[in-house]
Amino acid sequence: VTVEASSDIQHGELVINIEANRVTYQGKEIELSTSL
């Protein structure tokens, strides 16, 4: 089951790119496990 696909999630300086499985905060990429 993939995370529900849609546009990016953004709250302030936190940006979550669903399709790319990518998280950035304050302009820096944050590495997270699949579960996190």
PDB file of all heavy atoms in Angstrom:
ATOM      1  N   VAL A   1       0.850  -1.192   0.000  1.00  0.00           N
ATOM      2  CA  VAL A   1       0.000   0.000   0.000  1.00  0.00           C
ATOM      3  C   VAL A   1       0.881   1.237   0.000  1.00  0.00           C
ATOM      4  O   VAL A   1       1.691   1.436   0.902  1.00  0.00           O
ATOM      5  CB  VAL A   1      -0.919   0.035   1.250  1.00  0.00           C
ATOM      6  CG1 VAL A   1      -1.729   1.329   1.259  1.00  0.00           C
ATOM      7  CG2 VAL A   1      -1.837  -1.175   1.258  1.00  0.00           C
ATOM      8  N   THR A   2       0.753   2.042  -1.003  1.00  0.00           N
ATOM      9  CA  THR A   2       1.544   3.259  -1.071  1.00  0.00           C
ATOM     10  C   THR A   2       0.824   4.364  -0.313  1.00  0.00           C
ATOM     11  O   THR A   2      -0.395   4.328  -0.139  1.00  0.00           O
ATOM     12  CB  THR A   2       1.748   3.716  -2.526  1.00  0.00           C
ATOM     13  OG1 THR A   2       0.466   3.876  -3.141  1.00  0.00           O
ATOM     14  CG2 THR A   2       2.547   2.678  -3.300  1.00  0.00           C
ATOM     15  N   VAL A   3       1.593   5.336   0.139  1.00  0.00           N
ATOM     16  CA  VAL A   3       0.972   6.481   0.795  1.00  0.00           C
ATOM     17  C   VAL A   3       0.075   7.174  -0.216  1.00  0.00           C
ATOM     18  O   VAL A   3       0.414   7.295  -1.388  1.00  0.00           O
ATOM     19  CB  VAL A   3       2.057   7.464   1.290  1.00  0.00           C
ATOM     20  CG1 VAL A   3       1.415   8.702   1.904  1.00  0.00           C
ATOM     21  CG2 VAL A   3       2.979   6.781   2.280  1.00  0.00           C
ATOM     22  N   GLU A   4      -1.092   7.577   0.219  1.00  0.00           N
ATOM     23  CA  GLU A   4      -2.078   8.186  -0.667  1.00  0.00           C
ATOM     24  C   GLU A   4      -1.443   9.256  -1.542  1.00  0.00           C
ATOM     25  O   GLU A   4      -0.891  10.236  -1.070  1.00  0.00           O
ATOM     26  CB  GLU A   4      -3.194   8.820   0.178  1.00  0.00           C
ATOM     27  CG  GLU A   4      -4.300   9.417  -0.652  1.00  0.00           C
ATOM     28  CD  GLU A   4      -5.347  10.067   0.225  1.00  0.00           C
ATOM     29  OE1 GLU A   4      -5.303   9.845   1.440  1.00  0.00           O
ATOM     30  OE2 GLU A   4      -6.194  10.799  -0.317  1.00  0.00           O
ATOM     31  N   ALA A   5      -1.497   9.014  -2.839  1.00  0.00           N
ATOM     32  CA  ALA A   5      -0.835   9.912  -3.781  1.00  0.00           C
ATOM     33  C   ALA A   5      -1.649  11.187  -3.974  1.00  0.00           C
ATOM     34  O   ALA A   5      -2.864  11.162  -4.088  1.00  0.00           O
ATOM     35  CB  ALA A   5      -0.628   9.215  -5.116  1.00  0.00           C
ATOM     36  N   SER A   6      -0.979  12.297  -4.023  1.00  0.00           N
ATOM     37  CA  SER A   6      -1.625  13.575  -4.306  1.00  0.00           C
ATOM     38  C   SER A   6      -0.514  14.596  -4.438  1.00  0.00           C
ATOM     39  O   SER A   6       0.649  14.243  -4.611  1.00  0.00           O
ATOM     40  CB  SER A   6      -2.601  13.960  -3.188  1.00  0.00           C
ATOM     41  OG  SER A   6      -1.907  14.237  -1.992  1.00  0.00           O
ATOM     42  N   SER A   7      -0.872  15.852  -4.325  1.00  0.00           N
ATOM     43  CA  SER A   7       0.139  16.886  -4.394  1.00  0.00           C
ATOM     44  C   SER A   7       1.001  16.847  -3.143  1.00  0.00           C
ATOM     45  O   SER A   7       0.691  16.162  -2.173  1.00  0.00           O
ATOM     46  CB  SER A   7      -0.537  18.254  -4.534  1.00  0.00           C
ATOM     47  OG  SER A   7      -1.396  18.486  -3.441  1.00  0.00           O
ATOM     48  N   ASP A   8       2.097  17.601  -3.172  1.00  0.00           N
ATOM     49  CA  ASP A   8       2.989  17.660  -2.019  1.00  0.00           C
ATOM     50  C   ASP A   8       2.245  18.175  -0.786  1.00  0.00           C
ATOM     51  O   ASP A   8       1.256  18.898  -0.894  1.00  0.00           O
ATOM     52  CB  ASP A   8       4.167  18.592  -2.306  1.00  0.00           C
ATOM     53  CG  ASP A   8       5.090  18.056  -3.389  1.00  0.00           C
ATOM     54  OD1 ASP A   8       4.914  16.884  -3.770  1.00  0.00           O
ATOM     55  OD2 ASP A   8       5.958  18.810  -3.840  1.00  0.00           O
ATOM     56  N   ILE A   9       2.743  17.780   0.377  1.00  0.00           N
ATOM     57  CA  ILE A   9       2.228  18.314   1.639  1.00  0.00           C
ATOM     58  C   ILE A   9       3.222  19.366   2.108  1.00  0.00           C
ATOM     59  O   ILE A   9       4.430  19.108   2.165  1.00  0.00           O
ATOM     60  CB  ILE A   9       2.128  17.206   2.705  1.00  0.00           C
ATOM     61  CG1 ILE A   9       1.212  16.070   2.234  1.00  0.00           C
ATOM     62  CG2 ILE A   9       1.616  17.780   4.021  1.00  0.00           C
ATOM     63  CD1 ILE A   9       1.223  14.873   3.165  1.00  0.00           C
ATOM     64  N   GLN A  10       2.740  20.536   2.435  1.00  0.00           N
ATOM     65  CA  GLN A  10       3.645  21.581   2.913  1.00  0.00           C
ATOM     66  C   GLN A  10       3.039  22.302   4.101  1.00  0.00           C
ATOM     67  O   GLN A  10       1.883  22.709   4.076  1.00  0.00           O
ATOM     68  CB  GLN A  10       3.974  22.590   1.809  1.00  0.00           C
ATOM     69  CG  GLN A  10       4.948  23.680   2.279  1.00  0.00           C
ATOM     70  CD  GLN A  10       5.519  24.498   1.135  1.00  0.00           C
ATOM     71  OE1 GLN A  10       5.198  24.268  -0.035  1.00  0.00           O
ATOM     72  NE2 GLN A  10       6.368  25.452   1.468  1.00  0.00           N
ATOM     73  N   HIS A  11       3.855  22.425   5.148  1.00  0.00           N
ATOM     74  CA  HIS A  11       3.495  23.210   6.318  1.00  0.00           C
ATOM     75  C   HIS A  11       4.718  24.059   6.646  1.00  0.00           C
ATOM     76  O   HIS A  11       5.740  23.541   7.112  1.00  0.00           O
ATOM     77  CB  HIS A  11       3.134  22.317   7.507  1.00  0.00           C
ATOM     78  CG  HIS A  11       1.895  21.508   7.301  1.00  0.00           C
ATOM     79  ND1 HIS A  11       0.634  22.058   7.314  1.00  0.00           N
ATOM     80  CD2 HIS A  11       1.725  20.177   7.070  1.00  0.00           C
ATOM     81  CE1 HIS A  11      -0.264  21.117   7.107  1.00  0.00           C
ATOM     82  NE2 HIS A  11       0.362  19.971   6.947  1.00  0.00           N
ATOM     83  N   GLY A  12       4.626  25.358   6.372  1.00  0.00           N
ATOM     84  CA  GLY A  12       5.768  26.223   6.614  1.00  0.00           C
ATOM     85  C   GLY A  12       6.989  25.748   5.853  1.00  0.00           C
ATOM     86  O   GLY A  12       6.961  25.601   4.624  1.00  0.00           O
ATOM     87  N   GLU A  13       8.069  25.480   6.584  1.00  0.00           N
ATOM     88  CA  GLU A  13       9.331  25.078   5.956  1.00  0.00           C
ATOM     89  C   GLU A  13       9.454  23.566   5.772  1.00  0.00           C
ATOM     90  O   GLU A  13      10.482  23.073   5.333  1.00  0.00           O
ATOM     91  CB  GLU A  13      10.500  25.592   6.801  1.00  0.00           C
ATOM     92  CG  GLU A  13      10.563  27.114   6.868  1.00  0.00           C
ATOM     93  CD  GLU A  13      11.737  27.597   7.702  1.00  0.00           C
ATOM     94  OE1 GLU A  13      11.686  27.439   8.931  1.00  0.00           O
ATOM     95  OE2 GLU A  13      12.704  28.110   7.114  1.00  0.00           O
ATOM     96  N   LEU A  14       8.410  22.844   6.121  1.00  0.00           N
ATOM     97  CA  LEU A  14       8.390  21.396   5.916  1.00  0.00           C
ATOM     98  C   LEU A  14       7.681  21.089   4.602  1.00  0.00           C
ATOM     99  O   LEU A  14       6.533  21.475   4.395  1.00  0.00           O
ATOM    100  CB  LEU A  14       7.653  20.696   7.058  1.00  0.00           C
ATOM    101  CG  LEU A  14       7.458  19.181   6.903  1.00  0.00           C
ATOM    102  CD1 LEU A  14       8.791  18.450   7.069  1.00  0.00           C
ATOM    103  CD2 LEU A  14       6.435  18.656   7.900  1.00  0.00           C
ATOM    104  N   VAL A  15       8.385  20.367   3.716  1.00  0.00           N
ATOM    105  CA  VAL A  15       7.807  19.975   2.430  1.00  0.00           C
ATOM    106  C   VAL A  15       7.955  18.466   2.280  1.00  0.00           C
ATOM    107  O   VAL A  15       9.061  17.922   2.397  1.00  0.00           O
ATOM    108  CB  VAL A  15       8.500  20.682   1.245  1.00  0.00           C
ATOM    109  CG1 VAL A  15       7.867  20.239  -0.078  1.00  0.00           C
ATOM    110  CG2 VAL A  15       8.406  22.197   1.393  1.00  0.00           C
ATOM    111  N   ILE A  16       6.838  17.784   2.016  1.00  0.00           N
ATOM    112  CA  ILE A  16       6.840  16.336   1.838  1.00  0.00           C
ATOM    113  C   ILE A  16       6.412  16.031   0.408  1.00  0.00           C
ATOM    114  O   ILE A  16       5.282  16.340   0.015  1.00  0.00           O
ATOM    115  CB  ILE A  16       5.889  15.631   2.821  1.00  0.00           C
ATOM    116  CG1 ILE A  16       6.224  16.012   4.270  1.00  0.00           C
ATOM    117  CG2 ILE A  16       5.964  14.114   2.642  1.00  0.00           C
ATOM    118  CD1 ILE A  16       5.218  15.489   5.295  1.00  0.00           C
ATOM    119  N   ASN A  17       7.324  15.451  -0.365  1.00  0.00           N
ATOM    120  CA  ASN A  17       7.020  15.044  -1.734  1.00  0.00           C
ATOM    121  C   ASN A  17       6.635  13.571  -1.698  1.00  0.00           C
ATOM    122  O   ASN A  17       7.477  12.704  -1.498  1.00  0.00           O
ATOM    123  CB  ASN A  17       8.244  15.269  -2.633  1.00  0.00           C
ATOM    124  CG  ASN A  17       7.938  14.991  -4.092  1.00  0.00           C
ATOM    125  OD1 ASN A  17       7.446  13.922  -4.443  1.00  0.00           O
ATOM    126  ND2 ASN A  17       8.245  15.942  -4.957  1.00  0.00           N
ATOM    127  N   ILE A  18       5.339  13.286  -1.879  1.00  0.00           N
ATOM    128  CA  ILE A  18       4.826  11.931  -1.745  1.00  0.00           C
ATOM    129  C   ILE A  18       5.415  10.995  -2.792  1.00  0.00           C
ATOM    130  O   ILE A  18       5.929   9.924  -2.474  1.00  0.00           O
ATOM    131  CB  ILE A  18       3.284  11.913  -1.844  1.00  0.00           C
ATOM    132  CG1 ILE A  18       2.666  12.844  -0.797  1.00  0.00           C
ATOM    133  CG2 ILE A  18       2.762  10.492  -1.684  1.00  0.00           C
ATOM    134  CD1 ILE A  18       2.937  12.446   0.623  1.00  0.00           C
ATOM    135  N   GLU A  19       5.336  11.392  -4.056  1.00  0.00           N
ATOM    136  CA  GLU A  19       5.771  10.510  -5.135  1.00  0.00           C
ATOM    137  C   GLU A  19       7.261  10.206  -5.071  1.00  0.00           C
ATOM    138  O   GLU A  19       7.692   9.089  -5.351  1.00  0.00           O
ATOM    139  CB  GLU A  19       5.416  11.122  -6.490  1.00  0.00           C
ATOM    140  CG  GLU A  19       3.917  11.194  -6.750  1.00  0.00           C
ATOM    141  CD  GLU A  19       3.593  11.664  -8.151  1.00  0.00           C
ATOM    142  OE1 GLU A  19       4.543  11.904  -8.921  1.00  0.00           O
ATOM    143  OE2 GLU A  19       2.398  11.772  -8.469  1.00  0.00           O
ATOM    144  N   ALA A  20       8.060  11.188  -4.677  1.00  0.00           N
ATOM    145  CA  ALA A  20       9.514  10.999  -4.609  1.00  0.00           C
ATOM    146  C   ALA A  20       9.962  10.431  -3.263  1.00  0.00           C
ATOM    147  O   ALA A  20      11.140  10.144  -3.073  1.00  0.00           O
ATOM    148  CB  ALA A  20      10.234  12.323  -4.876  1.00  0.00           C
ATOM    149  N   ASN A  21       9.003  10.283  -2.323  1.00  0.00           N
ATOM    150  CA  ASN A  21       9.343   9.780  -0.994  1.00  0.00           C
ATOM    151  C   ASN A  21      10.444  10.642  -0.364  1.00  0.00           C
ATOM    152  O   ASN A  21      11.412  10.141   0.200  1.00  0.00           O
ATOM    153  CB  ASN A  21       9.813   8.324  -1.098  1.00  0.00           C
ATOM    154  CG  ASN A  21       9.570   7.544   0.186  1.00  0.00           C
ATOM    155  OD1 ASN A  21       8.468   7.574   0.708  1.00  0.00           O
ATOM    156  ND2 ASN A  21      10.567   6.852   0.668  1.00  0.00           N
ATOM    157  N   ARG A  22      10.257  11.965  -0.456  1.00  0.00           N
ATOM    158  CA  ARG A  22      11.314  12.910  -0.078  1.00  0.00           C
ATOM    159  C   ARG A  22      10.778  13.960   0.885  1.00  0.00           C
ATOM    160  O   ARG A  22       9.673  14.467   0.718  1.00  0.00           O
ATOM    161  CB  ARG A  22      11.853  13.576  -1.347  1.00  0.00           C
ATOM    162  CG  ARG A  22      13.029  14.511  -1.167  1.00  0.00           C
ATOM    163  CD  ARG A  22      13.607  14.864  -2.530  1.00  0.00           C
ATOM    164  NE  ARG A  22      14.735  15.783  -2.416  1.00  0.00           N
ATOM    165  CZ  ARG A  22      14.641  17.101  -2.628  1.00  0.00           C
ATOM    166  NH1 ARG A  22      13.470  17.635  -2.960  1.00  0.00           N
ATOM    167  NH2 ARG A  22      15.704  17.869  -2.518  1.00  0.00           N
ATOM    168  N   VAL A  23      11.585  14.265   1.898  1.00  0.00           N
ATOM    169  CA  VAL A  23      11.204  15.268   2.898  1.00  0.00           C
ATOM    170  C   VAL A  23      12.300  16.319   2.989  1.00  0.00           C
ATOM    171  O   VAL A  23      13.486  15.987   3.076  1.00  0.00           O
ATOM    172  CB  VAL A  23      11.012  14.631   4.292  1.00  0.00           C
ATOM    173  CG1 VAL A  23      10.697  15.705   5.332  1.00  0.00           C
ATOM    174  CG2 VAL A  23       9.914  13.586   4.272  1.00  0.00           C
ATOM    175  N   THR A  24      11.908  17.581   2.948  1.00  0.00           N
ATOM    176  CA  THR A  24      12.871  18.654   3.179  1.00  0.00           C
ATOM    177  C   THR A  24      12.334  19.566   4.275  1.00  0.00           C
ATOM    178  O   THR A  24      11.115  19.781   4.390  1.00  0.00           O
ATOM    179  CB  THR A  24      13.125  19.493   1.901  1.00  0.00           C
ATOM    180  OG1 THR A  24      11.889  20.044   1.436  1.00  0.00           O
ATOM    181  CG2 THR A  24      13.749  18.648   0.811  1.00  0.00           C
ATOM    182  N   TYR A  25      13.249  20.078   5.076  1.00  0.00           N
ATOM    183  CA  TYR A  25      12.884  21.004   6.146  1.00  0.00           C
ATOM    184  C   TYR A  25      13.941  22.087   6.225  1.00  0.00           C
ATOM    185  O   TYR A  25      15.139  21.791   6.284  1.00  0.00           O
ATOM    186  CB  TYR A  25      12.768  20.276   7.482  1.00  0.00           C
ATOM    187  CG  TYR A  25      12.430  21.189   8.640  1.00  0.00           C
ATOM    188  CD1 TYR A  25      11.317  22.025   8.594  1.00  0.00           C
ATOM    189  CD2 TYR A  25      13.220  21.221   9.780  1.00  0.00           C
ATOM    190  CE1 TYR A  25      11.005  22.870   9.643  1.00  0.00           C
ATOM    191  CE2 TYR A  25      12.909  22.056  10.850  1.00  0.00           C
ATOM    192  CZ  TYR A  25      11.795  22.885  10.760  1.00  0.00           C
ATOM    193  OH  TYR A  25      11.488  23.721  11.805  1.00  0.00           O
ATOM    194  N   GLN A  26      13.521  23.333   6.179  1.00  0.00           N
ATOM    195  CA  GLN A  26      14.415  24.482   6.160  1.00  0.00           C
ATOM    196  C   GLN A  26      15.446  24.354   5.035  1.00  0.00           C
ATOM    197  O   GLN A  26      16.608  24.708   5.179  1.00  0.00           O
ATOM    198  CB  GLN A  26      15.113  24.626   7.517  1.00  0.00           C
ATOM    199  CG  GLN A  26      14.140  24.933   8.644  1.00  0.00           C
ATOM    200  CD  GLN A  26      14.811  25.073   9.995  1.00  0.00           C
ATOM    201  OE1 GLN A  26      15.867  24.490  10.238  1.00  0.00           O
ATOM    202  NE2 GLN A  26      14.200  25.830  10.894  1.00  0.00           N
ATOM    203  N   GLY A  27      14.976  23.822   3.911  1.00  0.00           N
ATOM    204  CA  GLY A  27      15.825  23.712   2.727  1.00  0.00           C
ATOM    205  C   GLY A  27      16.761  22.517   2.706  1.00  0.00           C
ATOM    206  O   GLY A  27      17.472  22.299   1.719  1.00  0.00           O
ATOM    207  N   LYS A  28      16.751  21.714   3.772  1.00  0.00           N
ATOM    208  CA  LYS A  28      17.643  20.558   3.838  1.00  0.00           C
ATOM    209  C   LYS A  28      16.847  19.259   3.726  1.00  0.00           C
ATOM    210  O   LYS A  28      15.760  19.151   4.283  1.00  0.00           O
ATOM    211  CB  LYS A  28      18.428  20.565   5.157  1.00  0.00           C
ATOM    212  CG  LYS A  28      19.341  21.767   5.326  1.00  0.00           C
ATOM    213  CD  LYS A  28      20.076  21.710   6.651  1.00  0.00           C
ATOM    214  CE  LYS A  28      20.988  22.922   6.827  1.00  0.00           C
ATOM    215  NZ  LYS A  28      21.701  22.890   8.137  1.00  0.00           N
ATOM    216  N   GLU A  29      17.406  18.296   2.995  1.00  0.00           N
ATOM    217  CA  GLU A  29      16.724  17.019   2.839  1.00  0.00           C
ATOM    218  C   GLU A  29      16.874  16.180   4.109  1.00  0.00           C
ATOM    219  O   GLU A  29      17.953  16.089   4.692  1.00  0.00           O
ATOM    220  CB  GLU A  29      17.290  16.251   1.644  1.00  0.00           C
ATOM    221  CG  GLU A  29      16.511  14.990   1.323  1.00  0.00           C
ATOM    222  CD  GLU A  29      16.783  14.454  -0.067  1.00  0.00           C
ATOM    223  OE1 GLU A  29      17.481  15.132  -0.849  1.00  0.00           O
ATOM    224  OE2 GLU A  29      16.282  13.356  -0.373  1.00  0.00           O
ATOM    225  N   ILE A  30      15.782  15.584   4.534  1.00  0.00           N
ATOM    226  CA  ILE A  30      15.748  14.770   5.745  1.00  0.00           C
ATOM    227  C   ILE A  30      15.546  13.303   5.356  1.00  0.00           C
ATOM    228  O   ILE A  30      14.581  12.977   4.661  1.00  0.00           O
ATOM    229  CB  ILE A  30      14.597  15.200   6.682  1.00  0.00           C
ATOM    230  CG1 ILE A  30      14.653  16.709   6.964  1.00  0.00           C
ATOM    231  CG2 ILE A  30      14.634  14.395   7.972  1.00  0.00           C
ATOM    232  CD1 ILE A  30      15.890  17.161   7.715  1.00  0.00           C
ATOM    233  N   GLU A  31      16.453  12.445   5.780  1.00  0.00           N
ATOM    234  CA  GLU A  31      16.323  11.027   5.478  1.00  0.00           C
ATOM    235  C   GLU A  31      15.482  10.339   6.550  1.00  0.00           C
ATOM    236  O   GLU A  31      15.763  10.459   7.737  1.00  0.00           O
ATOM    237  CB  GLU A  31      17.708  10.363   5.403  1.00  0.00           C
ATOM    238  CG  GLU A  31      18.547  10.841   4.222  1.00  0.00           C
ATOM    239  CD  GLU A  31      19.832  10.048   4.085  1.00  0.00           C
ATOM    240  OE1 GLU A  31      19.994   9.045   4.812  1.00  0.00           O
ATOM    241  OE2 GLU A  31      20.666  10.430   3.240  1.00  0.00           O
ATOM    242  N   LEU A  32      14.451   9.628   6.103  1.00  0.00           N
ATOM    243  CA  LEU A  32      13.565   8.915   7.020  1.00  0.00           C
ATOM    244  C   LEU A  32      13.371   7.482   6.549  1.00  0.00           C
ATOM    245  O   LEU A  32      13.373   7.210   5.346  1.00  0.00           O
ATOM    246  CB  LEU A  32      12.187   9.592   7.082  1.00  0.00           C
ATOM    247  CG  LEU A  32      12.103  11.022   7.631  1.00  0.00           C
ATOM    248  CD1 LEU A  32      10.674  11.532   7.518  1.00  0.00           C
ATOM    249  CD2 LEU A  32      12.568  11.079   9.079  1.00  0.00           C
ATOM    250  N   SER A  33      13.184   6.582   7.501  1.00  0.00           N
ATOM    251  CA  SER A  33      12.855   5.203   7.154  1.00  0.00           C
ATOM    252  C   SER A  33      11.452   5.185   6.547  1.00  0.00           C
ATOM    253  O   SER A  33      10.687   6.144   6.655  1.00  0.00           O
ATOM    254  CB  SER A  33      12.892   4.312   8.393  1.00  0.00           C
ATOM    255  OG  SER A  33      11.838   4.652   9.283  1.00  0.00           O
ATOM    256  N   THR A  34      11.106   4.075   5.910  1.00  0.00           N
ATOM    257  CA  THR A  34       9.776   3.939   5.304  1.00  0.00           C
ATOM    258  C   THR A  34       8.672   4.145   6.328  1.00  0.00           C
ATOM    259  O   THR A  34       7.675   4.836   6.075  1.00  0.00           O
ATOM    260  CB  THR A  34       9.632   2.551   4.660  1.00  0.00           C
ATOM    261  OG1 THR A  34      10.669   2.376   3.691  1.00  0.00           O
ATOM    262  CG2 THR A  34       8.284   2.401   3.973  1.00  0.00           C
ATOM    263  N   SER A  35       8.837   3.557   7.508  1.00  0.00           N
ATOM    264  CA  SER A  35       7.818   3.664   8.552  1.00  0.00           C
ATOM    265  C   SER A  35       7.680   5.089   9.066  1.00  0.00           C
ATOM    266  O   SER A  35       6.562   5.585   9.262  1.00  0.00           O
ATOM    267  CB  SER A  35       8.153   2.714   9.707  1.00  0.00           C
ATOM    268  OG  SER A  35       8.114   1.382   9.292  1.00  0.00           O
ATOM    269  N   LEU A  36       8.807   5.762   9.289  1.00  0.00           N
ATOM    270  CA  LEU A  36       8.761   7.138   9.781  1.00  0.00           C
ATOM    271  C   LEU A  36       8.156   8.073   8.738  1.00  0.00           C
ATOM    272  O   LEU A  36       7.408   8.993   9.074  1.00  0.00           O
ATOM    273  CB  LEU A  36      10.164   7.605  10.168  1.00  0.00           C
ATOM    274  CG  LEU A  36      10.723   7.079  11.490  1.00  0.00           C
ATOM    275  CD1 LEU A  36      12.184   7.475  11.644  1.00  0.00           C
ATOM    276  CD2 LEU A  36       9.907   7.588  12.680  1.00  0.00           C
TER     277      LEU A  36
END
